[in-house]
């Protein structure tokens, strides 16, 4: 069986993981607790025609916050990156489907951010959590 926690003490994936963790933690918390972002998030779901709006309205930000915590700790970084990719594919779709730029506070309407985040997730998927991660402590030397 493949050891999903296996990584090496490399600073590049460690920095990428920490940045990605901060992005997801902050984004999830903003969608849950800051009214401007909560309203924009709801508008994105409605305008993009995403099904199960009430479920996704709560589920996605909670998962984003949890992913941020896992990435910041460096615990199961590869699994977190696998979960991030479909979330970012949906975000890419939302950026394409929604025409209202007011629904994208702090980011461009073009799907630049989802593409960058997906690439960062692929780096973590390939490399593991890198330096400063809990995964590094579980790697057999």
Protein backbone atom coordinates (compact mmCIF):
# COMPACT_ATOMS: atom_id res chain seq x y z
CA UNK A 1 0.00 0.00 0.00
CA UNK A 2 1.19 3.51 -0.79
CA UNK A 3 2.08 5.58 2.26
CA UNK A 4 0.01 8.73 1.76
CA UNK A 5 1.94 10.54 4.47
CA UNK A 6 5.37 9.87 2.96
CA UNK A 7 7.24 13.08 2.24
CA UNK A 8 10.74 14.43 2.37
CA UNK A 9 12.20 17.39 4.20
CA UNK A 10 11.85 19.85 1.32
CA UNK A 11 11.10 23.52 1.89
CA UNK A 12 9.36 24.23 -1.45
CA UNK A 13 6.37 21.91 -0.91
CA UNK A 14 6.35 22.96 2.74
CA UNK A 15 5.93 26.62 1.81
CA UNK A 16 3.32 25.77 -0.87
CA UNK A 17 1.40 23.67 1.68
CA UNK A 18 1.40 26.47 4.27
CA UNK A 19 0.24 29.07 1.73
CA UNK A 20 -2.48 26.72 0.50
CA UNK A 21 -3.52 26.01 4.09
CA UNK A 22 -3.80 29.72 4.85
CA UNK A 23 -5.84 30.30 1.67
CA UNK A 24 -8.31 27.55 2.54
CA UNK A 25 -8.60 28.34 6.23
CA UNK A 26 -9.16 32.06 5.63
CA UNK A 27 -11.56 31.47 2.72
CA UNK A 28 -13.65 29.00 4.71
CA UNK A 29 -13.84 31.25 7.76
CA UNK A 30 -14.73 34.30 5.62
CA UNK A 31 -17.57 32.41 3.90
CA UNK A 32 -18.92 31.32 7.28
CA UNK A 33 -18.59 34.48 9.36
CA UNK A 34 -18.17 37.65 7.29
CA UNK A 35 -21.50 38.84 5.85
CA UNK A 36 -20.07 40.33 2.64
CA UNK A 37 -18.42 37.02 1.75
CA UNK A 38 -21.39 34.96 2.96
CA UNK A 39 -23.70 36.88 0.61
CA UNK A 40 -21.24 36.62 -2.28
CA UNK A 41 -20.89 32.87 -1.68
CA UNK A 42 -24.67 32.41 -1.71
CA UNK A 43 -24.92 34.53 -4.87
CA UNK A 44 -22.28 32.41 -6.57
CA UNK A 45 -24.14 29.20 -5.73
CA UNK A 46 -27.47 30.56 -6.95
CA UNK A 47 -26.17 32.19 -10.14
CA UNK A 48 -24.06 29.17 -11.13
CA UNK A 49 -27.01 26.83 -10.65
CA UNK A 50 -25.18 24.65 -8.14
CA UNK A 51 -27.55 21.97 -6.77
CA UNK A 52 -28.30 21.47 -3.08
CA UNK A 53 -27.64 25.13 -2.28
CA UNK A 54 -28.46 24.89 1.44
CA UNK A 55 -26.15 21.89 1.86
CA UNK A 56 -23.28 23.34 -0.17
CA UNK A 57 -23.64 26.75 1.49
CA UNK A 58 -22.52 25.22 4.80
CA UNK A 59 -20.63 22.09 3.74
CA UNK A 60 -18.05 23.67 1.42
CA UNK A 61 -16.83 26.40 3.82
CA UNK A 62 -16.62 23.89 6.68
CA UNK A 63 -14.59 21.52 4.49
CA UNK A 64 -12.40 24.43 3.31
CA UNK A 65 -11.69 25.42 6.92
CA UNK A 66 -10.87 21.82 7.87
CA UNK A 67 -8.62 21.42 4.81
CA UNK A 68 -6.83 24.62 5.81
CA UNK A 69 -6.18 23.23 9.28
CA UNK A 70 -4.94 19.90 7.90
CA UNK A 71 -2.63 21.66 5.46
CA UNK A 72 -1.29 24.12 8.03
CA UNK A 73 -0.46 21.20 10.31
CA UNK A 74 0.81 19.14 7.43
CA UNK A 75 -1.36 16.19 8.38
CA UNK A 76 -2.46 13.95 5.49
CA UNK A 77 -1.44 16.66 3.04
CA UNK A 78 -1.89 14.44 -0.02
CA UNK A 79 -5.46 13.52 0.94
CA UNK A 80 -6.23 17.20 1.50
CA UNK A 81 -4.87 18.06 -1.94
CA UNK A 82 -7.03 15.35 -3.54
CA UNK A 83 -10.10 16.93 -1.91
CA UNK A 84 -9.02 20.41 -3.02
CA UNK A 85 -8.90 19.55 -6.73
CA UNK A 86 -12.67 18.88 -7.22
CA UNK A 87 -13.49 21.92 -5.08
CA UNK A 88 -11.32 24.05 -7.37
CA UNK A 89 -12.84 22.47 -10.49
CA UNK A 90 -16.24 23.58 -9.18
CA UNK A 91 -14.80 27.03 -8.41
CA UNK A 92 -13.44 27.19 -11.97
CA UNK A 93 -16.95 26.42 -13.26
CA UNK A 94 -18.49 29.08 -10.99
CA UNK A 95 -16.05 31.69 -12.30
CA UNK A 96 -17.04 30.81 -15.87
CA UNK A 97 -20.80 30.56 -15.22
CA UNK A 98 -21.38 33.66 -13.07
CA UNK A 99 -21.43 37.01 -14.87
CA UNK A 100 -21.66 39.32 -11.86
CA UNK A 101 -18.18 40.56 -10.83
CA UNK A 102 -19.62 41.82 -7.51
CA UNK A 103 -19.93 38.16 -6.45
CA UNK A 104 -16.14 37.77 -6.51
CA UNK A 105 -14.81 40.06 -3.77
CA UNK A 106 -11.01 40.16 -3.46
CA UNK A 107 -10.39 38.16 -6.63
CA UNK A 108 -10.67 38.58 -10.38
CA UNK A 109 -13.73 37.27 -12.17
CA UNK A 110 -11.51 35.19 -14.44
CA UNK A 111 -10.70 31.75 -12.94
CA UNK A 112 -7.09 32.65 -12.19
CA UNK A 113 -7.21 31.79 -8.49
CA UNK A 114 -8.76 28.31 -8.95
CA UNK A 115 -6.13 27.42 -11.57
CA UNK A 116 -3.26 28.57 -9.33
CA UNK A 117 -4.69 26.72 -6.33
CA UNK A 118 -5.16 23.52 -8.37
CA UNK A 119 -1.53 23.69 -9.45
CA UNK A 120 -0.45 24.16 -5.84
CA UNK A 121 -2.55 21.14 -4.84
CA UNK A 122 -0.88 19.05 -7.55
CA UNK A 123 2.55 19.99 -6.15
CA UNK A 124 1.46 18.78 -2.70
CA UNK A 125 -0.09 15.65 -4.21
CA UNK A 126 3.20 14.78 -5.90
CA UNK A 127 5.62 15.88 -3.16
CA UNK A 128 3.76 15.43 0.09
CA UNK A 129 3.68 17.93 2.94
CA UNK A 130 7.38 18.77 2.86
CA UNK A 131 9.24 20.58 5.61
CA UNK A 132 7.56 21.41 8.91
CA UNK A 133 4.73 18.91 8.34
CA UNK A 134 3.32 16.31 10.68
CA UNK A 135 3.54 13.91 7.72
CA UNK A 136 7.34 14.26 7.83
CA UNK A 137 7.36 12.86 11.38
CA UNK A 138 5.53 9.75 10.11
CA UNK A 139 7.82 9.17 7.15
CA UNK A 140 10.00 6.11 7.52
CA UNK A 141 13.61 7.11 7.12
